[in-house]
N, C-alpha and C. Protein backbone atom coordinates (compact mmCIF):
# COMPACT_ATOMS: atom_id res chain seq x y z
N SER A 1 0.59 -1.22 -0.15
CA SER A 1 -0.17 -0.18 0.07
C SER A 1 0.53 1.49 -0.17
N THR A 2 0.45 2.12 -0.42
CA THR A 2 1.21 3.23 -0.81
C THR A 2 1.02 4.24 0.29
N ILE A 3 1.87 5.67 0.58
CA ILE A 3 1.28 6.87 1.93
C ILE A 3 0.32 7.92 0.53
N HIS A 4 0.12 7.37 -0.21
CA HIS A 4 0.16 8.68 -1.39
C HIS A 4 -1.02 7.88 -1.50
N HIS A 5 -2.53 9.49 -0.91
CA HIS A 5 -3.50 9.14 -2.31
C HIS A 5 -4.18 10.10 -2.76
N PRO A 6 -4.89 9.70 -3.55
CA PRO A 6 -4.87 11.18 -4.61
C PRO A 6 -6.71 11.72 -3.65
N PHE A 7 -6.84 13.04 -4.79
CA PHE A 7 -8.04 13.71 -3.78
C PHE A 7 -8.58 12.94 -4.38
N THR A 8 -10.20 12.66 -3.62
CA THR A 8 -11.25 12.06 -4.35
C THR A 8 -12.14 13.29 -5.15
N PRO A 9 -12.62 12.69 -5.92
CA PRO A 9 -13.49 13.89 -6.22
C PRO A 9 -14.71 15.02 -5.85
N LYS A 10 -14.92 14.21 -4.44
CA LYS A 10 -15.67 15.22 -3.15
C LYS A 10 -14.67 16.45 -3.10
N GLU A 11 -13.64 15.68 -2.53
CA GLU A 11 -12.62 16.52 -2.48
C GLU A 11 -12.05 18.10 -2.35
N LEU A 12 -11.95 17.42 -3.79
CA LEU A 12 -11.64 17.90 -5.13
C LEU A 12 -12.64 19.58 -5.09
N ARG A 13 -13.92 18.74 -5.16
CA ARG A 13 -15.32 19.82 -5.35
C ARG A 13 -15.20 21.09 -3.80
N MET A 14 -14.62 20.71 -2.85
CA MET A 14 -14.78 21.07 -1.43
C MET A 14 -13.01 21.97 -1.55
N LEU A 15 -12.28 21.74 -1.83
CA LEU A 15 -11.20 22.44 -2.42
C LEU A 15 -11.54 23.66 -3.30
N TRP A 16 -12.45 23.21 -4.16
CA TRP A 16 -12.92 24.91 -5.15
C TRP A 16 -13.37 25.30 -4.28
N LYS A 17 -14.36 24.81 -3.31
CA LYS A 17 -15.38 25.98 -2.66
C LYS A 17 -14.43 26.75 -2.07
N HIS A 18 -13.43 26.37 -1.56
CA HIS A 18 -12.52 27.14 -0.30
C HIS A 18 -11.34 27.95 -1.39
N GLN A 19 -11.18 27.86 -2.01
CA GLN A 19 -9.97 28.18 -3.10
C GLN A 19 -9.14 29.48 -2.72
N ASP A 20 -9.92 30.42 -1.82
CA ASP A 20 -9.24 31.45 -1.39
C ASP A 20 -8.32 31.00 -0.11
N GLU A 21 -8.26 30.35 0.14
CA GLU A 21 -7.35 29.77 1.51
C GLU A 21 -5.94 29.42 1.19
N LEU A 22 -4.88 29.56 0.65
CA LEU A 22 -3.54 28.65 0.72
C LEU A 22 -2.80 27.95 0.48
N GLY A 23 -4.04 27.35 1.53
CA GLY A 23 -3.34 25.98 1.29
C GLY A 23 -3.69 24.93 -0.05
N VAL A 24 -5.00 25.68 0.46
CA VAL A 24 -6.15 24.43 -0.84
C VAL A 24 -5.20 25.15 -2.13
N GLN A 25 -5.08 26.33 -2.48
CA GLN A 25 -4.17 27.45 -3.56
C GLN A 25 -3.03 26.21 -4.02
N TYR A 26 -2.24 25.52 -3.16
CA TYR A 26 -1.13 24.73 -2.99
C TYR A 26 -1.46 23.32 -3.63
N ALA A 27 -2.64 22.78 -2.79
CA ALA A 27 -3.23 21.48 -3.51
C ALA A 27 -3.80 21.45 -4.36
N LEU A 28 -4.33 23.07 -5.04
CA LEU A 28 -4.94 22.76 -6.48
C LEU A 28 -3.83 22.82 -7.55
N VAL A 29 -2.64 24.29 -7.02
CA VAL A 29 -1.92 23.92 -8.18
C VAL A 29 -1.17 22.45 -8.65
N TYR A 30 -0.91 21.36 -6.98
CA TYR A 30 -0.49 20.15 -7.47
C TYR A 30 -1.17 19.55 -8.27
N CYS A 31 -2.93 19.72 -8.18
CA CYS A 31 -3.74 18.67 -8.57
C CYS A 31 -3.43 18.60 -9.97
N TYR A 32 -3.42 19.94 -10.40
CA TYR A 32 -3.41 20.45 -11.98
C TYR A 32 -2.41 20.17 -12.43
N THR A 33 -1.13 20.46 -11.78
CA THR A 33 0.45 20.97 -13.17
C THR A 33 1.30 19.09 -12.35
N GLY A 34 0.33 18.15 -11.62
CA GLY A 34 1.38 16.88 -11.32
C GLY A 34 2.94 17.01 -10.89
N LEU A 35 3.08 18.57 -10.47
CA LEU A 35 4.43 18.73 -10.10
C LEU A 35 5.07 18.46 -8.98
N ARG A 36 5.89 17.86 -8.25
CA ARG A 36 6.46 17.42 -7.18
C ARG A 36 6.40 18.56 -6.69
N PRO A 37 5.94 18.56 -4.59
CA PRO A 37 5.81 19.64 -4.43
C PRO A 37 7.20 19.86 -4.24
N THR A 38 8.37 19.82 -4.11
CA THR A 38 9.31 20.55 -4.36
C THR A 38 9.58 21.50 -5.90
N GLU A 39 9.09 20.64 -6.68
CA GLU A 39 9.80 21.31 -7.75
C GLU A 39 8.38 22.97 -8.46
N LEU A 40 7.01 22.67 -7.68
CA LEU A 40 6.40 24.20 -7.29
C LEU A 40 7.19 25.33 -7.13
N LEU A 41 7.87 24.97 -5.31
CA LEU A 41 8.61 25.52 -5.39
C LEU A 41 9.66 26.37 -5.05
N LYS A 42 10.03 25.46 -6.62
CA LYS A 42 11.35 26.16 -6.60
C LYS A 42 11.32 26.90 -8.21
N ILE A 43 10.55 27.62 -8.99
CA ILE A 43 10.51 27.78 -9.90
C ILE A 43 10.19 29.42 -9.93
N THR A 44 11.31 29.37 -11.01
CA THR A 44 11.83 31.03 -10.75
C THR A 44 10.16 32.15 -11.85
N THR A 45 11.09 33.11 -11.61
CA THR A 45 9.44 33.85 -11.96
C THR A 45 9.25 33.28 -13.46
N ASP A 46 11.10 33.75 -13.70
CA ASP A 46 11.61 33.75 -15.16
C ASP A 46 10.79 33.10 -15.88
N ASN A 47 10.51 32.33 -15.35
CA ASN A 47 10.43 30.20 -16.03
C ASN A 47 8.84 30.10 -16.46
N VAL A 48 7.79 31.63 -14.99
CA VAL A 48 6.49 31.47 -15.90
C VAL A 48 5.97 32.27 -16.71
N HIS A 49 4.96 31.78 -17.52
CA HIS A 49 4.76 32.20 -19.00
C HIS A 49 3.33 32.29 -19.13
N LEU A 50 2.63 33.25 -18.58
CA LEU A 50 1.61 33.52 -17.86
C LEU A 50 0.97 34.01 -19.37
N ASP A 51 1.72 33.90 -20.67
CA ASP A 51 0.85 34.75 -21.41
C ASP A 51 0.68 33.26 -22.36
N GLU A 52 1.76 32.64 -22.62
CA GLU A 52 1.46 31.02 -22.68
C GLU A 52 0.54 30.17 -22.08
N HIS A 53 0.61 30.35 -21.11
CA HIS A 53 0.10 29.68 -20.15
C HIS A 53 0.64 28.18 -20.07
N TYR A 54 1.86 28.30 -19.50
CA TYR A 54 3.14 27.15 -19.05
C TYR A 54 4.48 27.71 -18.46
N MET A 55 4.93 26.60 -17.76
CA MET A 55 5.95 26.99 -16.88
C MET A 55 7.18 26.20 -17.65
N MET A 56 8.46 26.66 -16.62
CA MET A 56 9.31 25.83 -17.13
C MET A 56 9.62 24.67 -15.72
N GLY A 57 10.51 23.83 -16.01
CA GLY A 57 10.73 23.54 -14.00
C GLY A 57 10.59 21.99 -14.05
N GLY A 58 11.33 21.71 -12.39
CA GLY A 58 11.52 20.35 -12.44
C GLY A 58 12.51 19.44 -12.24
N MET A 59 12.48 18.44 -11.30
CA MET A 59 13.78 18.26 -11.16
C MET A 59 13.47 16.99 -10.88
N LYS A 60 14.40 15.82 -10.79
CA LYS A 60 15.03 14.78 -9.91
C LYS A 60 15.40 13.10 -10.62
N THR A 61 14.59 13.04 -12.23
CA THR A 61 15.37 12.67 -13.41
C THR A 61 15.68 13.61 -14.64
N ALA A 62 16.43 13.24 -15.55
CA ALA A 62 16.06 13.46 -16.73
C ALA A 62 15.00 14.46 -17.80
N ALA A 63 14.36 13.27 -17.17
CA ALA A 63 12.84 13.65 -18.35
C ALA A 63 11.87 14.14 -17.10
N GLY A 64 12.18 14.73 -16.23
CA GLY A 64 11.06 15.08 -15.94
C GLY A 64 12.26 17.16 -14.52
N LYS A 65 13.48 17.01 -15.59
CA LYS A 65 14.02 18.05 -15.69
C LYS A 65 14.17 19.38 -16.89
N ASN A 66 13.43 20.72 -16.08
CA ASN A 66 13.29 21.51 -17.42
C ASN A 66 11.86 20.99 -18.57
N ARG A 67 11.22 21.04 -18.20
CA ARG A 67 10.13 20.38 -18.59
C ARG A 67 9.43 21.48 -18.77
N VAL A 68 8.43 21.26 -19.84
CA VAL A 68 6.64 22.09 -19.69
C VAL A 68 5.43 21.91 -19.28
N ILE A 69 5.28 22.47 -17.69
CA ILE A 69 4.37 22.35 -17.21
C ILE A 69 2.83 23.47 -17.56
N PRO A 70 2.13 22.90 -18.17
CA PRO A 70 1.31 23.58 -19.08
C PRO A 70 0.37 24.20 -18.09
N ILE A 71 -0.38 25.54 -17.54
CA ILE A 71 -1.25 26.06 -16.73
C ILE A 71 -2.45 25.87 -17.33
N ALA A 72 -2.95 24.92 -16.53
CA ALA A 72 -4.74 24.65 -16.27
C ALA A 72 -5.58 26.23 -16.60
N ASP A 73 -6.70 25.82 -17.35
CA ASP A 73 -7.51 26.83 -17.25
C ASP A 73 -8.31 27.71 -15.83
N LYS A 74 -8.04 26.22 -15.39
CA LYS A 74 -8.60 26.65 -13.49
C LYS A 74 -8.26 26.77 -12.68
N ILE A 75 -6.45 26.83 -13.25
CA ILE A 75 -5.60 27.24 -12.14
C ILE A 75 -5.01 28.45 -12.19
N MET A 76 -5.29 28.81 -13.69
CA MET A 76 -4.70 30.15 -14.05
C MET A 76 -4.55 31.50 -13.01
N PRO A 77 -5.94 31.78 -12.23
CA PRO A 77 -6.35 32.48 -11.70
C PRO A 77 -4.83 32.76 -10.33
N ILE A 78 -5.12 31.43 -9.78
CA ILE A 78 -3.83 31.05 -8.65
C ILE A 78 -2.77 31.60 -9.30
N ILE A 79 -1.97 31.23 -10.32
CA ILE A 79 -0.48 30.90 -10.12
C ILE A 79 -0.74 32.45 -11.29
N THR A 80 -1.53 33.48 -11.90
CA THR A 80 -1.11 34.62 -11.92
C THR A 80 -1.22 35.55 -10.28
N SER A 81 -1.97 35.25 -9.35
CA SER A 81 -2.19 36.05 -8.29
C SER A 81 -0.73 35.59 -7.53
N TRP A 82 -0.48 34.88 -7.41
CA TRP A 82 0.94 34.41 -7.16
C TRP A 82 2.06 35.07 -8.04
N TYR A 83 1.86 35.58 -9.07
CA TYR A 83 2.81 35.52 -10.28
C TYR A 83 3.65 37.45 -9.57
N ASN A 84 4.77 37.35 -9.49
CA ASN A 84 5.27 39.24 -8.60
C ASN A 84 6.99 39.11 -9.63
N PRO A 85 6.55 40.28 -10.41
CA PRO A 85 7.86 39.65 -11.63
C PRO A 85 9.33 40.51 -10.57
N ASP A 86 8.88 40.99 -9.48
CA ASP A 86 9.71 41.70 -8.58
C ASP A 86 10.10 40.75 -8.32
N GLU A 87 10.26 39.56 -8.10
CA GLU A 87 9.90 38.07 -6.71
C GLU A 87 10.80 37.33 -7.74
N GLU A 88 12.20 36.42 -7.51
CA GLU A 88 12.98 35.37 -7.79
C GLU A 88 11.75 34.28 -7.64
N TYR A 89 11.15 34.12 -7.09
CA TYR A 89 10.59 32.42 -6.92
C TYR A 89 8.68 32.87 -7.19
N LEU A 90 8.36 31.67 -7.74
CA LEU A 90 6.56 32.46 -8.35
C LEU A 90 6.17 31.94 -6.71
N CYS A 91 6.75 30.98 -5.80
CA CYS A 91 6.06 30.41 -4.50
C CYS A 91 6.39 31.48 -3.24
N ILE A 92 5.87 32.59 -2.66
CA ILE A 92 6.25 33.31 -1.77
C ILE A 92 5.63 32.96 -0.44
N ASP A 93 6.36 33.03 0.64
CA ASP A 93 5.56 33.34 1.54
C ASP A 93 4.87 34.48 2.08
N PRO A 94 3.52 34.56 2.91
CA PRO A 94 2.62 35.70 3.18
C PRO A 94 3.73 36.18 4.03
N ARG A 95 3.72 35.24 5.42
CA ARG A 95 3.63 35.32 6.36
C ARG A 95 5.07 36.54 5.81
N ASP A 96 6.33 36.43 5.55
CA ASP A 96 7.29 36.66 5.80
C ASP A 96 8.43 36.88 5.00
N GLY A 97 7.36 36.88 3.39
CA GLY A 97 7.55 37.17 2.74
C GLY A 97 8.75 37.01 1.75
N ARG A 98 9.60 35.77 1.96
CA ARG A 98 10.82 35.13 1.57
C ARG A 98 10.03 33.57 0.96
N PRO A 99 11.07 33.21 0.61
CA PRO A 99 10.39 32.33 -0.61
C PRO A 99 10.30 30.62 0.06
N PHE A 100 9.37 29.66 -0.48
CA PHE A 100 9.38 28.50 0.21
C PHE A 100 10.26 27.62 0.23
N LEU A 101 10.47 27.49 -1.52
CA LEU A 101 11.50 26.92 -1.77
C LEU A 101 11.88 25.10 -0.94
N ASN A 102 11.74 25.13 -0.07
CA ASN A 102 11.52 23.74 0.83
C ASN A 102 10.31 22.92 1.52
N TYR A 103 9.89 21.48 0.63
CA TYR A 103 9.03 21.37 1.12
C TYR A 103 8.65 21.28 3.08
N ASP A 104 9.54 21.30 3.89
CA ASP A 104 9.25 21.49 4.84
C ASP A 104 8.90 22.18 5.47
N ARG A 105 8.79 23.89 5.11
CA ARG A 105 9.10 24.91 4.76
C ARG A 105 7.19 25.65 4.70
N LEU A 106 6.94 24.94 3.17
CA LEU A 106 5.78 24.96 3.07
C LEU A 106 4.73 24.04 3.82
N ARG A 107 5.04 22.29 4.66
CA ARG A 107 4.67 21.76 4.97
C ARG A 107 3.67 22.51 7.08
N GLU A 108 5.03 23.31 6.96
CA GLU A 108 4.80 23.72 8.08
C GLU A 108 4.41 25.17 8.00
N HIS A 109 3.96 26.04 7.07
CA HIS A 109 3.68 27.17 7.04
C HIS A 109 2.32 27.26 5.96
N VAL A 110 2.01 26.32 5.65
CA VAL A 110 0.65 26.30 4.78
C VAL A 110 -0.16 25.14 4.61
N TRP A 111 0.88 24.07 5.02
CA TRP A 111 -0.14 22.94 4.37
C TRP A 111 -1.06 22.30 6.05
N LYS A 112 -0.20 21.87 6.62
CA LYS A 112 -0.48 21.84 7.85
C LYS A 112 -1.84 22.98 8.96
N ARG A 113 -1.26 24.38 8.56
CA ARG A 113 -2.36 25.24 8.66
C ARG A 113 -3.80 24.40 7.92
N CYS A 114 -4.36 24.17 6.79
CA CYS A 114 -5.91 24.06 6.12
C CYS A 114 -6.17 23.03 7.55
N GLU A 115 -7.09 22.66 7.41
CA GLU A 115 -8.17 21.75 8.00
C GLU A 115 -8.68 21.05 6.77
N LEU A 116 -8.78 21.04 5.71
CA LEU A 116 -9.48 20.42 4.91
C LEU A 116 -8.31 19.80 4.52
N LEU A 117 -6.97 20.00 4.43
CA LEU A 117 -5.78 18.72 4.02
C LEU A 117 -5.12 17.73 5.07
N ALA A 118 -6.05 18.12 5.81
CA ALA A 118 -5.24 17.17 7.30
C ALA A 118 -4.68 15.54 6.68
N GLN A 119 -5.79 15.05 5.30
CA GLN A 119 -5.71 13.62 5.84
C GLN A 119 -4.92 13.47 4.06
N HIS A 120 -4.22 14.53 3.47
CA HIS A 120 -3.51 13.88 1.98
C HIS A 120 -1.76 15.47 2.73
N LEU A 121 -0.70 14.52 1.55
CA LEU A 121 0.52 15.18 2.07
C LEU A 121 0.46 15.81 0.98
N PRO A 122 1.22 16.81 0.13
CA PRO A 122 1.06 17.86 -0.68
C PRO A 122 1.90 17.23 -1.92
N HIS A 123 2.78 15.85 -1.91
CA HIS A 123 2.72 14.92 -2.89
C HIS A 123 1.53 14.14 -3.90
N ASP A 124 0.08 14.06 -2.94
CA ASP A 124 -0.13 13.83 -3.48
C ASP A 124 -1.63 14.29 -4.71
N GLY A 125 -1.46 15.29 -4.57
CA GLY A 125 -1.47 16.02 -5.40
C GLY A 125 -1.32 15.59 -6.87
N ARG A 126 0.19 15.58 -6.80
CA ARG A 126 0.59 14.58 -8.40
C ARG A 126 0.13 13.62 -8.27
N HIS A 127 -0.33 12.43 -7.64
CA HIS A 127 -0.99 11.19 -7.60
C HIS A 127 -2.54 11.85 -8.31
N THR A 128 -3.25 12.66 -7.99
CA THR A 128 -4.03 13.20 -8.44
C THR A 128 -4.10 13.98 -10.01
N CYS A 129 -3.02 14.46 -10.32
CA CYS A 129 -3.13 14.66 -11.72
C CYS A 129 -2.67 13.42 -12.61
N ALA A 130 -2.30 12.83 -12.35
CA ALA A 130 -1.55 11.36 -13.20
C ALA A 130 -3.37 10.44 -13.00
N THR A 131 -4.09 10.70 -11.71
CA THR A 131 -5.06 9.26 -11.81
C THR A 131 -6.55 10.39 -12.49
N LEU A 132 -6.24 11.71 -12.71
CA LEU A 132 -7.43 12.27 -13.41
C LEU A 132 -7.69 11.89 -14.79
N LEU A 133 -6.14 12.80 -14.87
CA LEU A 133 -6.08 12.32 -16.49
C LEU A 133 -5.44 10.84 -17.14
N ASP A 134 -5.50 9.99 -16.39
CA ASP A 134 -5.27 8.81 -16.76
C ASP A 134 -7.22 8.61 -17.03
N ASN A 135 -7.88 8.71 -15.98
CA ASN A 135 -9.41 9.12 -16.35
C ASN A 135 -10.28 9.72 -17.02
N ALA A 136 -9.26 10.33 -17.41
CA ALA A 136 -9.68 11.54 -18.55
C ALA A 136 -9.80 10.93 -20.28
N GLU A 137 -8.54 9.65 -19.89
CA GLU A 137 -8.26 9.19 -21.45
C GLU A 137 -7.48 9.54 -22.11
N ILE A 138 -6.50 10.55 -21.07
CA ILE A 138 -5.45 10.98 -21.98
C ILE A 138 -4.46 10.02 -22.57
N ASN A 139 -4.10 10.56 -23.55
CA ASN A 139 -3.01 9.54 -24.09
C ASN A 139 -1.58 9.36 -23.13
N LEU A 140 -0.94 8.30 -22.60
CA LEU A 140 -0.08 7.56 -21.77
C LEU A 140 1.07 8.84 -22.14
N LYS A 141 1.13 8.56 -23.43
CA LYS A 141 2.94 10.20 -23.36
C LYS A 141 2.73 11.45 -23.25
N VAL A 142 1.73 11.81 -23.74
CA VAL A 142 1.25 13.11 -23.31
C VAL A 142 1.29 13.03 -21.58
N ILE A 143 0.68 11.98 -20.86
CA ILE A 143 0.74 12.09 -19.08
C ILE A 143 2.22 12.00 -18.67
N GLN A 144 2.47 11.11 -19.67
CA GLN A 144 4.46 10.54 -18.92
C GLN A 144 4.95 12.22 -19.47
N LEU A 145 4.97 12.96 -19.94
CA LEU A 145 5.94 14.40 -20.42
C LEU A 145 5.38 15.45 -19.48
N ILE A 146 3.93 14.96 -18.97
CA ILE A 146 2.93 15.88 -18.05
C ILE A 146 3.96 15.77 -16.87
N LEU A 147 4.23 15.15 -16.67
CA LEU A 147 4.84 14.20 -14.88
C LEU A 147 6.02 13.95 -15.05
N GLY A 148 7.03 14.52 -16.24
CA GLY A 148 8.44 14.41 -16.65
C GLY A 148 8.92 12.72 -16.21
N HIS A 149 7.73 11.74 -16.21
CA HIS A 149 8.35 10.30 -16.29
C HIS A 149 8.48 10.03 -18.05
N ARG A 150 10.24 9.19 -17.99
CA ARG A 150 10.70 8.13 -18.89
C ARG A 150 9.95 7.24 -19.33
N SER A 151 9.21 6.39 -18.09
CA SER A 151 8.89 5.31 -18.11
C SER A 151 7.17 4.90 -18.25
N ALA A 152 6.60 4.68 -18.55
CA ALA A 152 4.88 4.28 -18.43
C ALA A 152 4.58 3.67 -17.39
N ASP A 153 6.05 2.55 -17.46
CA ASP A 153 5.75 1.66 -16.25
C ASP A 153 5.64 2.87 -14.91
N ILE A 154 6.30 3.56 -14.33
CA ILE A 154 6.69 4.46 -13.73
C ILE A 154 4.72 5.30 -13.44
N THR A 155 4.59 6.12 -14.66
CA THR A 155 3.91 6.61 -14.52
C THR A 155 1.84 5.46 -14.27
N HIS A 156 2.16 4.07 -15.00
CA HIS A 156 1.07 3.66 -13.67
C HIS A 156 0.85 3.05 -12.82
N ARG A 157 2.43 2.72 -12.36
CA ARG A 157 2.72 0.98 -11.33
C ARG A 157 2.43 2.22 -10.13
N VAL A 158 2.89 3.77 -10.41
CA VAL A 158 3.08 4.17 -8.66
C VAL A 158 2.35 5.28 -9.30
N TYR A 159 1.83 6.37 -10.19
CA TYR A 159 1.17 7.45 -10.17
C TYR A 159 -0.15 6.94 -10.22
N THR A 160 -0.82 5.88 -10.48
CA THR A 160 -2.57 5.92 -11.07
C THR A 160 -3.19 5.47 -10.45
N HIS A 161 -4.44 5.23 -9.96
CA HIS A 161 -4.93 5.22 -9.03
C HIS A 161 -6.36 5.10 -9.39
N LYS A 162 -6.78 3.49 -8.97
CA LYS A 162 -8.53 2.94 -9.53
C LYS A 162 -9.20 2.80 -8.73
N THR A 163 -10.32 2.95 -8.97
CA THR A 163 -11.46 2.75 -8.02
C THR A 163 -11.99 1.16 -7.93
N ILE A 164 -12.50 0.58 -7.13
CA ILE A 164 -12.70 -0.83 -7.63
C ILE A 164 -14.15 -0.72 -7.87
N LYS A 165 -14.77 0.01 -8.53
CA LYS A 165 -15.94 0.61 -9.32
C LYS A 165 -15.54 0.84 -10.94
N GLN A 166 -14.42 1.31 -10.58
CA GLN A 166 -13.77 1.99 -12.30
C GLN A 166 -13.21 0.29 -12.47
N LEU A 167 -12.44 -0.87 -11.89
CA LEU A 167 -12.45 -2.17 -12.31
C LEU A 167 -13.23 -2.87 -12.42
N ILE A 168 -14.63 -3.04 -11.74
CA ILE A 168 -15.08 -3.76 -12.47
C ILE A 168 -16.65 -2.95 -13.45
N THR A 169 -16.27 -1.92 -14.04
CA THR A 169 -16.84 -1.35 -15.32
C THR A 169 -15.88 -1.35 -15.78
N ALA A 170 -14.78 -1.98 -16.42
CA ALA A 170 -13.29 -2.24 -17.04
C ALA A 170 -14.34 -3.79 -17.75
N ILE A 171 -14.12 -4.29 -16.37
CA ILE A 171 -14.15 -6.18 -16.58
C ILE A 171 -15.44 -6.20 -17.62
N ASN A 172 -16.55 -5.03 -16.87
CA ASN A 172 -18.29 -5.12 -17.40
C ASN A 172 -18.16 -5.14 -19.44
N LYS A 173 -16.32 -4.65 -19.06
CA LYS A 173 -17.19 -4.25 -21.11
C LYS A 173 -16.16 -5.12 -21.86
N ILE A 174 -15.35 -6.49 -20.88
CA ILE A 174 -15.53 -7.31 -22.18
C ILE A 174 -16.63 -8.33 -22.56
């Protein structure tokens, strides 16, 4: 079993109802970009291209580094509100005006302070993104490119989650 669990459709609807909360904004950006938590925190403002609806970023693997991260229309208002060309980084802690830069700081200053996120970890947004893309029957190569995976096996084995109902629906199609 995994420690990561995608946000359910019900949880996503609740997040959208509370999108003015900073922790919720981070959760939504993770869910709709597929970024690893630290990848988002390290994106510099010069790598945010609002007019073209994408950011450049990523880390960890050759396939993950310096990749195009599309900005979904749903989260464009959040990214736009965070964007400040006078700052080096996109993700600034409003409590002290400094960049988050690391996972622990994000968890302590934002994630743990948001009750709606109590059952989730920041990395769950990445699992949510992969699952939503797969459920929408997006081409596997496109999912790999968005998540920065070289191998389809990693994308499917680790990041996509299926419900029992989805498995039953699938088996009933044959």
